[in-house]
């Protein structure tokens, strides 16, 4: 009878391992390695403070310059 208990125990261990496999794979698999590498790369990045007012003014000046450079035509000149 002891071999039956050993077989049932092995089967129970296999069922638990099969049920928990996705969690093990997410911690130890290829995706986990990619996440760790990405986190390591991101840790060296820094946030650059933005100067919203000067950016808005620069943008407005840029738009005005671009509009001033656009070619225009007058319908009266064509006739």
Protein backbone atom coordinates (compact mmCIF):
# COMPACT_ATOMS: atom_id res chain seq x y z
CA UNK A 1 0.00 0.00 0.00
CA UNK A 2 2.89 2.41 0.53
CA UNK A 3 3.62 2.59 -3.20
CA UNK A 4 0.07 3.85 -3.74
CA UNK A 5 0.60 6.68 -1.26
CA UNK A 6 3.88 7.61 -2.91
CA UNK A 7 2.21 7.65 -6.34
CA UNK A 8 -0.66 9.81 -5.03
CA UNK A 9 1.82 12.19 -3.38
CA UNK A 10 3.80 12.46 -6.64
CA UNK A 11 0.58 13.08 -8.56
CA UNK A 12 -0.47 15.80 -6.08
CA UNK A 13 2.93 17.47 -6.41
CA UNK A 14 2.65 17.35 -10.21
CA UNK A 15 -0.84 18.90 -10.10
CA UNK A 16 0.28 21.72 -7.80
CA UNK A 17 3.39 22.37 -9.93
CA UNK A 18 1.24 22.44 -13.08
CA UNK A 19 -1.20 24.88 -11.52
CA UNK A 20 1.56 27.18 -10.28
CA UNK A 21 3.68 27.00 -13.44
CA UNK A 22 2.54 30.35 -14.92
CA UNK A 23 3.56 32.13 -11.72
CA UNK A 24 6.96 30.40 -11.68
CA UNK A 25 7.50 31.20 -15.33
CA UNK A 26 6.62 34.88 -14.85
CA UNK A 27 9.31 35.14 -12.16
CA UNK A 28 11.98 33.01 -13.79
CA UNK A 29 11.19 32.98 -17.52
CA UNK A 30 12.29 35.09 -20.47
CA UNK A 31 9.72 37.81 -19.87
CA UNK A 32 11.00 38.30 -16.34
CA UNK A 33 14.52 38.76 -17.67
CA UNK A 34 13.29 41.36 -20.16
CA UNK A 35 11.38 43.20 -17.42
CA UNK A 36 14.47 43.27 -15.20
CA UNK A 37 16.64 44.56 -18.06
CA UNK A 38 14.08 47.25 -18.89
CA UNK A 39 13.84 48.29 -15.24
CA UNK A 40 17.63 48.51 -15.09
CA UNK A 41 17.72 50.72 -18.22
CA UNK A 42 14.90 52.91 -16.93
CA UNK A 43 16.62 53.44 -13.60
CA UNK A 44 19.36 55.44 -15.33
CA UNK A 45 16.87 57.81 -16.97
CA UNK A 46 16.03 61.14 -15.43
CA UNK A 47 13.14 63.54 -15.83
CA UNK A 48 13.98 66.82 -17.48
CA UNK A 49 11.99 69.68 -15.99
CA UNK A 50 9.98 71.53 -18.58
CA UNK A 51 9.53 75.23 -18.81
CA UNK A 52 5.95 75.30 -20.03
CA UNK A 53 5.66 79.06 -20.42
CA UNK A 54 8.76 79.50 -22.57
CA UNK A 55 7.84 76.38 -24.58
CA UNK A 56 4.42 77.85 -25.32
CA UNK A 57 5.98 81.18 -26.31
CA UNK A 58 8.57 79.44 -28.50
CA UNK A 59 5.84 77.41 -30.16
CA UNK A 60 3.70 80.48 -30.81
CA UNK A 61 6.69 82.33 -32.29
CA UNK A 62 7.49 79.33 -34.48
CA UNK A 63 3.92 79.18 -35.79
CA UNK A 64 3.94 82.88 -36.56
CA UNK A 65 7.25 82.54 -38.45
CA UNK A 66 5.92 79.60 -40.44
CA UNK A 67 2.72 81.43 -41.31
CA UNK A 68 4.67 84.48 -42.42
CA UNK A 69 6.74 82.30 -44.78
CA UNK A 70 3.76 80.64 -46.46
CA UNK A 71 3.26 81.61 -50.06
CA UNK A 72 0.04 83.50 -50.61
CA UNK A 73 -1.91 84.48 -53.68
CA UNK A 74 -4.68 86.89 -54.36
CA UNK A 75 -7.56 85.91 -56.66
CA UNK A 76 -7.65 89.43 -58.09
CA UNK A 77 -4.02 89.13 -59.25
CA UNK A 78 -4.77 86.02 -61.32
CA UNK A 79 -7.29 87.85 -63.53
